[in-house]
Amino acid sequence: MPPSVAVASASMRGGEGAKAAARRPGRLLAGRRRRAAVLILALAYAAAVTVLFLGGGGAGLGTSGGGLVAGALRRGALAPAPPGSLYRSHLLFERLLPEMRVSASRPSLLMASHSKKSGKRWVPCIRKRLTQSALPPSNGFLVIEANGGLNQQRISICDAVAVASLLNATLVSPAFHLNSVWRDSSKFGDIFDEDHFIETLRKHVRVVKELPENVSVQFDHNISSIPNMRTKAFSSHSYYLEKVLPQLLELGAVRIAPFSNRLANSVPSNIHALRCLANYEALRFSEPIRILADIMVARMIKKSSLTGGKYMSVHLRFEEDMVAFSCCIYDGDWKENIAMENARERSWRGKFRRPGRVINPEANRRNGRCPLAPIEVGMMLRGMGFDNTTSLYVASGKIYNAEKYMNPLRELFPLLQTKETLTSPEELAQFEGHSSRLAALDYTVCLRSEAFVTTQGSNFPHFLMGHRRYLYDGHAKTIKPDKRKMVLLFDNPDIRWDRFRHLMQDIRRHSESKGFEFRKQSGSIYNLPMPDCMCQQAEA
């Protein structure tokens, strides 16, 4: 301390040396208390980090590059997590397994048809909404690039048909962008029957497989030379008429890339009808896919003799990329942490490590954003009343840590099948390395199942539910669980089997009540084809 400050300090103390000496033990004690408090906080932080990275079930905090993983430290390292925050389903499974094994068998739920509204049923009526007049001369060529996986590509294709109609343009068969996640180099004709697509749309939209030579030469035979109209997502139909059409008339061809969700949900009824025509009738899978998919369905029916040939399908989104993208924690050990970090960096290159990005696995789980693990799907279906005679088809990619996570599901549902068990390696060989073609096989088997279960929001169930409504009198025949409610049950160590089963059956009944649903103005026609593409009809 500088002398001047020391003098001033002594002056303020009035020179009372004896009193100052008397206060020193108190100051020493306060200093020790402060140091102890700092030490406790440091230990709390270390405990929180250890919980996250060394297997504490996800209730921790750590840094991931520039991102922040929030959890236990926000509420205090030793405070209990709110109900539904942590993955503890394996503990509940172990406790309820004896009762699930001995629970009384009932007639399979697959033998009972989904309830239908009496008196009326819904049937496709697309062509009533479409005009049949001759097509006027084309205004030029529309070139689009579809990106994403199989069903995101479907959105792009069907929307492109609608936009081509708006512009009175000739659509060039869409090119597929090689996606960093899906990594499928398939062309349009590898996945879809291109000739059938062109013929089905012939009276409504012109489609060609490639640009004519006289047009291609204007752009040096390079698609990239065609001006790219950077279109915003969900653009209105008036935008295309006011902004894109003038360019098309001037240049003779326009390109829109990427073209994913580039047309609004709110469009004239005839445009919705074209979307449905493209999706449900024009887009059918290529012959190799159709042949093997039909074989798989036939084998699935044969293996479902205990339920009259009826089977259930589950879209299980528990692949490594899905678990990584969700930023949810399951094992919570260092192996999982490293695997998920590597998967995120491999597919999304730093997206999850940006400075200031907050990742909260506990909140993700409470909010129903975590993919259901196979063990959770098994408990859910058993609770809903599906016993071990239920024939189950699981549609998925390569399941994360499959040996560990799939065994409990197989124990509950021994009649479980996948595309790998329904086919020989030789039959599947032509599709290996092509995720969209493999997804097309899954799509077909799920489409023709008696009941479908979706476990994570994505384009696959979004399209499949709409397609099932279109085929099955307007009913999706789909179980779409409320995961925000379910995580509370999975995280309840004291819940009894009877109570668990009762609540799961409530969730199933709620899903069935939502099977009939009508599209609102902002809703997707691909998920809700009623009433735009289906009409109510009196039952015979």
Protein backbone atom coordinates (compact mmCIF):
# COMPACT_ATOMS: atom_id res chain seq x y z
CA MET A 1 0.00 0.00 0.00
CA PRO A 2 1.42 3.47 -0.93
CA PRO A 3 2.44 5.60 2.11
CA SER A 4 -0.17 8.27 1.44
CA VAL A 5 -2.91 5.68 1.37
CA ALA A 6 -1.56 4.08 4.53
CA VAL A 7 -1.58 7.43 6.34
CA ALA A 8 -5.10 8.21 5.21
CA SER A 9 -6.24 4.78 6.26
CA ALA A 10 -4.66 5.20 9.67
CA SER A 11 -6.24 8.62 10.00
CA MET A 12 -9.69 7.20 9.28
CA ARG A 13 -9.11 4.57 11.94
CA GLY A 14 -8.25 7.39 14.33
CA GLY A 15 -4.88 5.79 15.12
CA GLU A 16 -6.54 3.22 17.35
CA GLY A 17 -3.96 0.46 17.00
CA ALA A 18 -5.44 -1.62 19.73
CA LYS A 19 -8.87 -1.70 18.09
CA ALA A 20 -7.32 -2.60 14.71
CA ALA A 21 -5.44 -5.47 16.29
CA ALA A 22 -8.67 -6.69 17.78
CA ARG A 23 -10.34 -6.76 14.35
CA ARG A 24 -7.58 -8.79 12.60
CA PRO A 25 -8.86 -12.26 13.68
CA GLY A 26 -12.31 -11.36 12.26
CA ARG A 27 -10.82 -10.33 8.92
CA LEU A 28 -8.74 -13.51 8.78
CA LEU A 29 -11.85 -15.60 9.44
CA ALA A 30 -13.81 -13.78 6.69
CA GLY A 31 -10.97 -14.36 4.22
CA ARG A 32 -10.93 -18.05 5.00
CA ARG A 33 -14.69 -18.21 4.45
CA ARG A 34 -14.36 -16.51 1.06
CA ARG A 35 -11.64 -18.95 0.01
CA ALA A 36 -13.81 -21.84 1.13
CA ALA A 37 -16.75 -20.51 -0.91
CA VAL A 38 -14.57 -20.21 -4.01
CA LEU A 39 -13.33 -23.77 -3.48
CA ILE A 40 -16.91 -25.07 -3.17
CA LEU A 41 -17.91 -23.32 -6.41
CA ALA A 42 -14.89 -24.78 -8.19
CA LEU A 43 -15.77 -28.26 -6.95
CA ALA A 44 -19.37 -27.78 -8.08
CA TYR A 45 -18.21 -26.80 -11.56
CA ALA A 46 -15.88 -29.80 -11.73
CA ALA A 47 -18.71 -32.08 -10.61
CA ALA A 48 -20.99 -30.72 -13.31
CA VAL A 49 -18.40 -31.25 -16.03
CA THR A 50 -17.71 -34.77 -14.74
CA VAL A 51 -21.44 -35.58 -14.80
CA LEU A 52 -21.67 -34.62 -18.47
CA PHE A 53 -18.51 -36.18 -19.82
CA LEU A 54 -17.98 -39.21 -17.58
CA GLY A 55 -21.41 -40.79 -17.69
CA GLY A 56 -23.64 -38.79 -15.40
CA GLY A 57 -26.69 -39.12 -17.61
CA GLY A 58 -26.48 -35.74 -19.23
CA ALA A 59 -27.07 -33.43 -16.29
CA GLY A 60 -23.94 -31.42 -16.85
CA LEU A 61 -22.32 -28.45 -18.44
CA GLY A 62 -19.37 -28.36 -20.75
CA THR A 63 -18.03 -26.60 -23.77
CA SER A 64 -18.07 -28.00 -27.27
CA GLY A 65 -15.84 -25.77 -29.34
CA GLY A 66 -17.65 -22.45 -29.33
CA GLY A 67 -20.99 -23.94 -28.25
CA LEU A 68 -22.23 -24.16 -24.71
CA VAL A 69 -23.91 -27.23 -23.24
CA ALA A 70 -26.20 -26.10 -20.44
CA GLY A 71 -27.71 -28.26 -17.74
CA ALA A 72 -27.00 -28.90 -14.12
CA LEU A 73 -24.87 -25.82 -13.42
CA ARG A 74 -27.70 -23.49 -14.42
CA ARG A 75 -29.83 -24.83 -11.58
CA GLY A 76 -26.97 -25.76 -9.23
CA ALA A 77 -24.75 -28.79 -9.71
CA LEU A 78 -26.30 -30.84 -6.93
CA ALA A 79 -29.94 -29.89 -7.53
CA PRO A 80 -32.17 -32.62 -9.02
CA ALA A 81 -33.10 -32.33 -12.67
CA PRO A 82 -36.73 -31.46 -13.44
CA PRO A 83 -38.84 -34.54 -14.30
CA GLY A 84 -38.32 -35.75 -17.85
CA SER A 85 -34.88 -34.15 -18.22
CA LEU A 86 -32.72 -37.28 -18.21
CA TYR A 87 -32.63 -40.52 -20.15
CA ARG A 88 -33.36 -43.23 -17.57
CA SER A 89 -35.69 -45.39 -19.64
CA HIS A 90 -33.42 -48.42 -19.34
CA LEU A 91 -33.96 -48.41 -15.57
CA LEU A 92 -37.74 -48.34 -15.99
CA PHE A 93 -37.50 -51.14 -18.55
CA GLU A 94 -35.63 -53.37 -16.10
CA ARG A 95 -38.25 -52.75 -13.41
CA LEU A 96 -41.31 -53.25 -15.62
CA LEU A 97 -39.98 -56.13 -17.72
CA PRO A 98 -41.37 -58.94 -15.50
CA GLU A 99 -44.86 -57.44 -15.67
CA MET A 100 -44.58 -56.82 -19.42
CA ARG A 101 -43.68 -60.49 -19.87
CA VAL A 102 -46.62 -61.84 -17.88
CA SER A 103 -49.24 -59.26 -18.83
CA ALA A 104 -52.39 -60.98 -20.05
CA SER A 105 -52.60 -61.46 -23.78
CA ARG A 106 -55.54 -59.89 -25.52
CA PRO A 107 -56.80 -60.04 -29.11
CA SER A 108 -54.25 -58.14 -31.16
CA LEU A 109 -55.06 -54.50 -31.75
CA LEU A 110 -54.05 -55.05 -35.37
CA MET A 111 -57.12 -57.25 -35.84
CA ALA A 112 -59.42 -54.34 -35.02
CA SER A 113 -59.87 -51.71 -37.72
CA HIS A 114 -59.36 -48.07 -36.88
CA SER A 115 -62.61 -46.35 -36.10
CA LYS A 116 -64.28 -44.60 -39.02
CA LYS A 117 -66.76 -41.81 -38.98
CA SER A 118 -70.13 -43.32 -39.74
CA GLY A 119 -72.02 -42.54 -42.92
CA LYS A 120 -69.25 -40.90 -44.94
CA ARG A 121 -65.81 -41.75 -46.20
CA TRP A 122 -63.16 -39.74 -48.02
CA VAL A 123 -61.96 -40.71 -51.49
CA PRO A 124 -59.44 -39.15 -53.91
CA CYS A 125 -60.99 -36.67 -56.34
CA ILE A 126 -57.99 -34.83 -57.80
CA ARG A 127 -59.19 -34.75 -61.38
CA LYS A 128 -62.40 -32.95 -60.45
CA ARG A 129 -60.22 -30.00 -59.42
CA LEU A 130 -58.10 -29.92 -62.58
CA THR A 131 -58.95 -28.23 -65.87
CA GLN A 132 -58.80 -30.41 -68.97
CA SER A 133 -58.25 -27.72 -71.62
CA ALA A 134 -55.37 -28.02 -74.08
CA LEU A 135 -52.04 -26.62 -72.92
CA PRO A 136 -51.06 -23.26 -74.47
CA PRO A 137 -47.59 -22.87 -76.04
CA SER A 138 -44.82 -23.11 -73.46
CA ASN A 139 -43.21 -19.94 -72.10
CA GLY A 140 -39.84 -21.65 -71.68
CA PHE A 141 -38.03 -24.18 -69.53
CA LEU A 142 -37.92 -24.48 -65.73
CA VAL A 143 -34.80 -26.13 -64.29
CA ILE A 144 -34.73 -26.96 -60.57
CA GLU A 145 -32.35 -28.73 -58.22
CA ALA A 146 -33.90 -30.93 -55.52
CA ASN A 147 -31.90 -31.37 -52.35
CA GLY A 148 -32.11 -33.45 -49.17
CA GLY A 149 -33.30 -37.02 -48.72
CA LEU A 150 -36.03 -38.94 -50.50
CA ASN A 151 -39.05 -37.09 -49.19
CA GLN A 152 -37.49 -33.63 -49.28
CA GLN A 153 -36.84 -34.41 -52.94
CA ARG A 154 -40.53 -35.30 -53.30
CA ILE A 155 -41.51 -31.87 -51.97
CA SER A 156 -39.20 -30.22 -54.50
CA ILE A 157 -40.52 -32.27 -57.41
CA CYS A 158 -44.20 -31.75 -56.62
CA ASP A 159 -43.75 -28.04 -55.98
CA ALA A 160 -41.81 -27.76 -59.25
CA VAL A 161 -44.78 -29.27 -61.10
CA ALA A 162 -47.04 -26.66 -59.50
CA VAL A 163 -44.68 -23.77 -60.34
CA ALA A 164 -44.28 -25.00 -63.92
CA SER A 165 -48.06 -24.88 -64.26
CA LEU A 166 -48.19 -21.36 -62.82
CA LEU A 167 -45.56 -20.17 -65.30
CA ASN A 168 -46.86 -22.29 -68.18
CA ALA A 169 -43.30 -23.59 -68.38
CA THR A 170 -41.87 -26.91 -69.51
CA LEU A 171 -40.32 -28.67 -66.52
CA VAL A 172 -36.98 -30.39 -66.99
CA SER A 173 -36.70 -33.58 -64.93
CA PRO A 174 -35.25 -32.38 -61.62
CA ALA A 175 -31.57 -32.82 -60.86
CA PHE A 176 -30.68 -34.14 -57.39
CA HIS A 177 -28.09 -32.36 -55.26
CA LEU A 178 -25.54 -34.63 -53.58
CA ASN A 179 -26.32 -34.03 -49.90
CA SER A 180 -23.56 -34.17 -47.26
CA VAL A 181 -25.80 -36.18 -44.91
CA TRP A 182 -27.58 -38.57 -47.31
CA ARG A 183 -24.63 -39.02 -49.71
CA ASP A 184 -26.74 -40.54 -52.49
CA SER A 185 -25.67 -39.99 -56.10
CA SER A 186 -28.94 -41.37 -57.55
CA LYS A 187 -30.55 -39.62 -60.50
CA PHE A 188 -34.28 -39.00 -60.92
CA GLY A 189 -34.77 -42.13 -63.03
CA ASP A 190 -32.94 -44.31 -60.48
CA ILE A 191 -35.57 -43.58 -57.84
CA PHE A 192 -38.73 -42.74 -59.79
CA ASP A 193 -40.35 -44.08 -62.95
CA GLU A 194 -39.54 -41.14 -65.21
CA ASP A 195 -41.68 -42.18 -68.17
CA HIS A 196 -44.72 -42.71 -65.95
CA PHE A 197 -44.14 -39.30 -64.36
CA ILE A 198 -44.08 -37.56 -67.75
CA GLU A 199 -47.11 -39.43 -69.09
CA THR A 200 -49.28 -38.88 -65.99
CA LEU A 201 -48.71 -35.12 -66.11
CA ARG A 202 -48.94 -34.85 -69.91
CA LYS A 203 -52.32 -33.09 -70.02
CA HIS A 204 -51.43 -30.63 -67.28
CA VAL A 205 -47.70 -29.86 -67.33
CA ARG A 206 -45.07 -30.52 -69.99
CA VAL A 207 -42.07 -32.45 -68.68
CA VAL A 208 -38.89 -33.33 -70.60
CA LYS A 209 -35.93 -35.41 -69.50
CA GLU A 210 -33.37 -32.80 -70.57
CA LEU A 211 -33.10 -29.43 -72.26
CA PRO A 212 -33.48 -29.55 -76.06
CA GLU A 213 -30.23 -29.04 -77.96
CA ASN A 214 -31.27 -25.65 -79.40
CA VAL A 215 -31.87 -24.32 -75.87
CA SER A 216 -28.88 -26.00 -74.27
CA VAL A 217 -26.48 -24.47 -76.82
CA GLN A 218 -27.60 -20.97 -75.79
CA PHE A 219 -26.11 -21.68 -72.37
CA ASP A 220 -22.96 -23.45 -73.63
CA HIS A 221 -24.41 -26.84 -72.67
CA ASN A 222 -23.93 -25.86 -69.03
CA ILE A 223 -26.95 -25.82 -66.72
CA SER A 224 -25.05 -23.55 -64.32
CA SER A 225 -25.00 -20.85 -67.01
CA ILE A 226 -28.78 -20.52 -66.82
CA PRO A 227 -29.58 -17.55 -64.52
CA ASN A 228 -30.44 -18.79 -61.03
CA MET A 229 -33.48 -17.14 -59.46
CA ARG A 230 -32.68 -17.07 -55.74
CA THR A 231 -36.18 -17.70 -54.44
CA LYS A 232 -37.12 -17.44 -50.77
CA ALA A 233 -38.74 -20.34 -48.96
CA PHE A 234 -42.54 -20.53 -49.19
CA SER A 235 -42.79 -17.84 -51.88
CA SER A 236 -46.34 -16.98 -52.95
CA HIS A 237 -47.74 -17.92 -56.35
CA SER A 238 -47.95 -14.20 -57.16
CA TYR A 239 -44.18 -13.90 -56.63
CA TYR A 240 -43.57 -16.42 -59.41
CA LEU A 241 -45.93 -14.58 -61.75
CA GLU A 242 -44.46 -11.15 -61.00
CA LYS A 243 -40.74 -11.91 -60.62
CA VAL A 244 -39.91 -15.22 -62.28
CA LEU A 245 -42.24 -15.19 -65.29
CA PRO A 246 -40.72 -12.02 -66.85
CA GLN A 247 -37.25 -13.60 -66.67
CA LEU A 248 -38.57 -16.81 -68.20
CA LEU A 249 -40.15 -14.93 -71.10
CA GLU A 250 -36.96 -12.95 -71.69
CA LEU A 251 -34.41 -15.76 -71.45
CA GLY A 252 -36.39 -18.84 -72.45
CA ALA A 253 -35.15 -20.77 -69.39
CA VAL A 254 -34.73 -20.10 -65.67
CA ARG A 255 -33.10 -22.11 -62.93
CA ILE A 256 -34.02 -22.26 -59.23
CA ALA A 257 -31.43 -23.93 -57.02
CA PRO A 258 -31.86 -25.00 -54.35
CA PHE A 259 -35.57 -25.68 -54.72
CA SER A 260 -36.81 -26.98 -51.38
CA ASN A 261 -40.05 -25.63 -49.86
CA ARG A 262 -39.99 -22.79 -52.36
CA LEU A 263 -43.78 -22.57 -52.82
CA ALA A 264 -46.22 -21.40 -50.15
CA ASN A 265 -48.80 -23.76 -48.66
CA SER A 266 -51.54 -21.24 -49.42
CA VAL A 267 -52.15 -21.43 -53.19
CA PRO A 268 -55.22 -21.74 -55.47
CA SER A 269 -57.09 -25.07 -55.28
CA ASN A 270 -56.07 -26.17 -58.79
CA ILE A 271 -52.40 -25.80 -57.78
CA HIS A 272 -53.00 -28.00 -54.73
CA ALA A 273 -54.63 -30.55 -57.01
CA LEU A 274 -51.51 -30.57 -59.21
CA ARG A 275 -49.32 -31.12 -56.18
CA CYS A 276 -51.46 -34.13 -55.25
CA LEU A 277 -51.47 -35.47 -58.79
CA ALA A 278 -47.69 -35.30 -58.86
CA ASN A 279 -47.23 -36.82 -55.40
CA TYR A 280 -49.81 -39.60 -55.31
CA GLU A 281 -50.13 -40.61 -58.96
CA ALA A 282 -47.24 -39.34 -61.09
CA LEU A 283 -44.43 -40.15 -58.66
CA ARG A 284 -44.13 -43.90 -58.44
CA PHE A 285 -40.87 -45.66 -57.67
CA SER A 286 -38.65 -47.11 -60.37
CA GLU A 287 -39.22 -50.71 -61.42
CA PRO A 288 -36.30 -52.26 -59.46
CA ILE A 289 -37.54 -50.57 -56.27
CA ARG A 290 -41.17 -51.58 -56.89
CA ILE A 291 -40.29 -55.21 -57.55
CA LEU A 292 -38.25 -55.69 -54.37
CA ALA A 293 -40.66 -53.61 -52.26
CA ASP A 294 -43.59 -55.79 -53.35
CA ILE A 295 -41.59 -58.91 -52.45
CA MET A 296 -40.84 -57.44 -49.01
CA VAL A 297 -44.51 -56.62 -48.38
CA ALA A 298 -45.55 -60.15 -49.40
CA ARG A 299 -42.97 -61.66 -47.05
CA MET A 300 -44.07 -59.35 -44.25
CA ILE A 301 -47.70 -60.44 -44.69
CA LYS A 302 -46.66 -64.11 -44.68
CA LYS A 303 -44.72 -63.62 -41.44
CA SER A 304 -47.79 -61.99 -39.84
CA SER A 305 -50.01 -65.09 -39.80
CA LEU A 306 -50.79 -64.67 -36.08
CA THR A 307 -52.48 -61.35 -36.86
CA GLY A 308 -54.26 -62.28 -40.06
CA GLY A 309 -51.50 -60.97 -42.31
CA LYS A 310 -51.60 -57.52 -40.72
CA TYR A 311 -48.43 -55.90 -39.46
CA MET A 312 -47.30 -52.70 -37.79
CA SER A 313 -44.50 -50.47 -39.05
CA VAL A 314 -42.27 -48.10 -37.08
CA HIS A 315 -40.12 -45.32 -38.47
CA LEU A 316 -37.23 -45.47 -36.01
CA ARG A 317 -35.04 -42.37 -36.30
CA PHE A 318 -32.22 -43.47 -34.04
CA GLU A 319 -29.35 -43.37 -36.49
CA GLU A 320 -26.10 -41.72 -35.42
CA ASP A 321 -26.74 -38.56 -37.46
CA MET A 322 -30.20 -38.11 -35.91
CA VAL A 323 -28.96 -38.59 -32.36
CA ALA A 324 -26.10 -36.19 -33.05
CA PHE A 325 -28.33 -33.54 -34.63
CA SER A 326 -30.80 -33.67 -31.73
CA CYS A 327 -28.03 -32.81 -29.21
CA CYS A 328 -29.66 -35.22 -26.76
CA ILE A 329 -27.78 -37.42 -24.30
CA TYR A 330 -28.38 -41.15 -23.81
CA ASP A 331 -25.39 -43.07 -22.39
CA GLY A 332 -23.77 -39.79 -21.38
CA ASP A 333 -20.28 -41.32 -21.30
CA TRP A 334 -17.15 -40.03 -23.02
CA LYS A 335 -17.50 -42.52 -25.89
CA GLU A 336 -20.94 -41.18 -26.79
CA ASN A 337 -19.75 -37.59 -26.45
CA ILE A 338 -16.83 -38.15 -28.85
CA ALA A 339 -19.00 -40.08 -31.34
CA MET A 340 -21.64 -37.34 -31.37
CA GLU A 341 -19.07 -34.54 -31.71
CA ASN A 342 -17.47 -36.33 -34.66
CA ALA A 343 -20.85 -36.96 -36.32
CA ARG A 344 -21.89 -33.32 -35.96
CA GLU A 345 -18.61 -32.06 -37.37
CA ARG A 346 -18.65 -34.57 -40.23
CA SER A 347 -22.16 -33.65 -41.41
CA TRP A 348 -22.62 -30.03 -40.32
CA ARG A 349 -19.06 -28.63 -40.19
CA GLY A 350 -19.00 -26.37 -37.15
CA LYS A 351 -22.71 -25.53 -37.01
CA PHE A 352 -22.90 -26.72 -33.41
CA ARG A 353 -19.64 -25.07 -32.32
CA ARG A 354 -20.43 -21.50 -33.23
CA PRO A 355 -19.67 -18.99 -30.47
CA GLY A 356 -22.69 -18.28 -28.31
CA ARG A 357 -24.70 -21.32 -29.41
CA VAL A 358 -26.39 -22.85 -26.37
CA ILE A 359 -27.15 -26.56 -26.35
CA ASN A 360 -29.40 -27.83 -23.56
CA PRO A 361 -29.93 -31.61 -23.75
CA GLU A 362 -32.20 -31.62 -20.71
CA ALA A 363 -34.55 -29.00 -22.16
CA ASN A 364 -34.50 -30.82 -25.50
CA ARG A 365 -35.72 -33.98 -23.81
CA ARG A 366 -38.41 -32.25 -21.76
CA ASN A 367 -39.67 -30.51 -24.90
CA GLY A 368 -40.03 -33.80 -26.79
CA ARG A 369 -37.21 -33.12 -29.24
CA CYS A 370 -35.16 -36.23 -28.54
CA PRO A 371 -35.57 -39.27 -30.81
CA LEU A 372 -37.28 -42.16 -29.06
CA ALA A 373 -34.77 -44.90 -28.31
CA PRO A 374 -35.76 -48.43 -29.42
CA ILE A 375 -36.28 -49.45 -25.80
CA GLU A 376 -38.76 -46.58 -25.39
CA VAL A 377 -40.63 -47.58 -28.54
CA GLY A 378 -40.93 -51.12 -27.19
CA MET A 379 -42.30 -50.03 -23.81
CA MET A 380 -44.67 -47.58 -25.48
CA LEU A 381 -46.16 -50.20 -27.81
CA ARG A 382 -46.45 -52.81 -25.06
CA GLY A 383 -48.17 -50.25 -22.86
CA MET A 384 -50.57 -49.41 -25.69
CA GLY A 385 -51.63 -53.05 -25.86
CA PHE A 386 -49.54 -54.59 -28.64
CA ASP A 387 -48.28 -57.97 -27.42
CA ASN A 388 -45.45 -60.23 -28.55
CA THR A 389 -47.56 -61.73 -31.36
CA THR A 390 -47.45 -58.36 -33.13
CA SER A 391 -45.47 -58.45 -36.35
CA LEU A 392 -43.31 -55.33 -36.42
CA TYR A 393 -41.43 -53.79 -39.35
CA VAL A 394 -38.73 -51.29 -38.39
CA ALA A 395 -37.85 -48.71 -41.05
CA SER A 396 -34.50 -47.08 -40.37
CA GLY A 397 -30.95 -46.54 -41.42
CA LYS A 398 -28.08 -47.95 -39.39
CA ILE A 399 -29.19 -47.73 -35.75
CA TYR A 400 -26.76 -46.02 -33.38
CA ASN A 401 -25.10 -48.59 -31.09
CA ALA A 402 -27.59 -51.14 -32.44
CA GLU A 403 -26.47 -54.15 -30.42
CA LYS A 404 -27.18 -52.33 -27.17
CA TYR A 405 -30.31 -50.40 -28.09
CA MET A 406 -32.15 -52.90 -30.31
CA ASN A 407 -31.98 -55.97 -28.07
CA PRO A 408 -34.70 -54.78 -25.63
CA LEU A 409 -37.04 -54.00 -28.53
CA ARG A 410 -36.46 -57.46 -30.02
CA GLU A 411 -37.11 -59.02 -26.62
CA LEU A 412 -40.53 -57.37 -26.45
CA PHE A 413 -41.33 -57.95 -30.14
CA PRO A 414 -39.61 -61.13 -31.36
CA LEU A 415 -41.46 -60.96 -34.71
CA LEU A 416 -39.45 -57.86 -35.65
CA GLN A 417 -38.29 -57.45 -39.24
CA THR A 418 -36.17 -54.96 -41.17
CA LYS A 419 -35.27 -54.68 -44.84
CA GLU A 420 -32.07 -56.58 -44.00
CA THR A 421 -33.98 -59.54 -42.48
CA LEU A 422 -36.67 -59.61 -45.19
CA THR A 423 -34.20 -59.72 -48.08
CA SER A 424 -31.05 -61.57 -49.00
CA PRO A 425 -27.73 -59.72 -49.34
CA GLU A 426 -27.90 -60.36 -53.08
CA GLU A 427 -31.36 -58.77 -53.36
CA LEU A 428 -30.29 -55.71 -51.41
CA ALA A 429 -26.89 -55.31 -53.06
CA GLN A 430 -28.12 -53.10 -55.93
CA PHE A 431 -29.42 -50.54 -53.42
CA GLU A 432 -26.45 -50.43 -51.05
CA GLY A 433 -24.82 -47.01 -50.83
CA HIS A 434 -28.00 -45.33 -52.06
CA SER A 435 -29.89 -44.08 -49.02
CA SER A 436 -32.83 -42.69 -50.99
CA ARG A 437 -33.46 -46.00 -52.76
CA LEU A 438 -33.27 -47.85 -49.44
CA ALA A 439 -35.67 -45.30 -47.95
CA ALA A 440 -38.05 -46.00 -50.84
CA LEU A 441 -38.17 -49.67 -49.82
CA ASP A 442 -38.97 -48.67 -46.24
CA TYR A 443 -41.58 -46.18 -47.44
CA THR A 444 -43.47 -48.83 -49.40
CA VAL A 445 -43.54 -51.40 -46.59
CA CYS A 446 -44.69 -48.74 -44.12
CA LEU A 447 -47.31 -47.39 -46.51
CA ARG A 448 -48.99 -50.80 -46.73
CA SER A 449 -48.89 -51.64 -43.02
CA GLU A 450 -52.05 -51.84 -40.93
CA ALA A 451 -50.71 -49.26 -38.49
CA PHE A 452 -47.76 -46.89 -38.67
CA VAL A 453 -45.78 -45.42 -35.77
CA THR A 454 -43.75 -42.24 -36.08
CA THR A 455 -41.12 -41.56 -33.42
CA GLN A 456 -39.48 -38.34 -34.62
CA GLY A 457 -40.66 -35.49 -36.80
CA SER A 458 -39.20 -35.58 -40.31
CA ASN A 459 -40.27 -35.57 -43.96
CA PHE A 460 -40.69 -39.37 -43.97
CA PRO A 461 -43.69 -39.53 -41.58
CA HIS A 462 -44.95 -36.18 -42.88
CA PHE A 463 -45.37 -37.61 -46.38
CA LEU A 464 -46.31 -41.11 -45.29
CA MET A 465 -49.19 -39.95 -43.09
CA GLY A 466 -50.60 -37.91 -45.97
CA HIS A 467 -50.22 -40.83 -48.37
CA ARG A 468 -51.95 -43.17 -45.92
CA ARG A 469 -54.84 -40.71 -45.57
CA TYR A 470 -55.09 -40.62 -49.35
CA LEU A 471 -55.26 -44.43 -49.58
CA TYR A 472 -57.23 -45.32 -46.44
CA ASP A 473 -60.45 -43.29 -46.68
CA GLY A 474 -58.89 -40.23 -45.08
CA HIS A 475 -57.52 -41.91 -41.93
CA ALA A 476 -53.76 -41.87 -41.34
CA LYS A 477 -53.91 -45.05 -39.20
CA THR A 478 -50.87 -43.68 -37.44
CA ILE A 479 -49.64 -43.50 -33.85
CA LYS A 480 -47.95 -40.17 -33.25
CA PRO A 481 -47.02 -40.08 -29.55
CA ASP A 482 -46.81 -36.95 -27.43
CA LYS A 483 -43.18 -37.19 -26.38
CA ARG A 484 -43.44 -34.36 -23.87
CA LYS A 485 -45.86 -36.52 -21.88
CA MET A 486 -43.95 -39.72 -22.48
CA VAL A 487 -40.60 -38.51 -21.14
CA LEU A 488 -42.30 -37.82 -17.80
CA LEU A 489 -43.46 -41.43 -17.66
CA PHE A 490 -40.08 -42.84 -18.70
CA ASP A 491 -38.42 -40.74 -15.98
CA ASN A 492 -40.80 -41.83 -13.21
CA PRO A 493 -39.07 -44.56 -11.17
CA ASP A 494 -42.16 -45.24 -9.07
CA ILE A 495 -44.80 -45.65 -11.77
CA ARG A 496 -46.70 -48.93 -11.68
CA TRP A 497 -47.26 -51.03 -14.80
CA ASP A 498 -51.05 -50.64 -14.66
CA ARG A 499 -50.73 -46.86 -14.48
CA PHE A 500 -48.11 -46.78 -17.23
CA ARG A 501 -50.29 -48.93 -19.48
CA HIS A 502 -53.37 -46.78 -18.85
CA LEU A 503 -51.53 -43.57 -19.78
CA MET A 504 -50.00 -45.12 -22.91
CA GLN A 505 -53.43 -46.22 -24.08
CA ASP A 506 -54.66 -42.66 -23.59
CA ILE A 507 -51.85 -41.49 -25.90
CA ARG A 508 -52.84 -44.11 -28.49
CA ARG A 509 -56.50 -43.09 -28.40
CA HIS A 510 -55.52 -39.45 -28.86
CA SER A 511 -53.46 -40.40 -31.93
CA GLU A 512 -56.41 -42.26 -33.39
CA SER A 513 -58.67 -39.27 -32.84
CA LYS A 514 -56.25 -37.17 -34.93
CA GLY A 515 -56.27 -39.68 -37.80
CA PHE A 516 -58.98 -37.69 -39.56
CA GLU A 517 -57.67 -34.16 -39.89
CA PHE A 518 -58.26 -31.36 -42.35
CA ARG A 519 -55.74 -28.98 -43.79
CA LYS A 520 -55.86 -25.42 -42.54
CA GLN A 521 -54.82 -22.56 -44.78
CA SER A 522 -51.18 -22.69 -43.68
CA GLY A 523 -51.03 -26.50 -43.48
CA SER A 524 -49.17 -28.84 -45.81
CA ILE A 525 -51.09 -30.59 -48.57
CA TYR A 526 -48.56 -33.43 -48.41
CA ASN A 527 -49.57 -34.29 -44.86
CA LEU A 528 -53.24 -33.29 -45.03
CA PRO A 529 -54.77 -33.96 -48.45
CA MET A 530 -58.31 -33.32 -47.18
CA PRO A 531 -60.35 -31.48 -48.33
CA ASP A 532 -58.30 -30.16 -51.30
CA CYS A 533 -57.56 -33.51 -52.96
CA MET A 534 -60.24 -35.76 -51.44
CA CYS A 535 -64.02 -35.64 -51.40
CA GLN A 536 -66.52 -36.94 -48.90
CA GLN A 537 -68.67 -39.71 -50.29
CA ALA A 538 -71.61 -41.67 -48.87
CA GLU A 539 -70.71 -45.26 -48.11
CA ALA A 540 -72.43 -47.86 -50.24
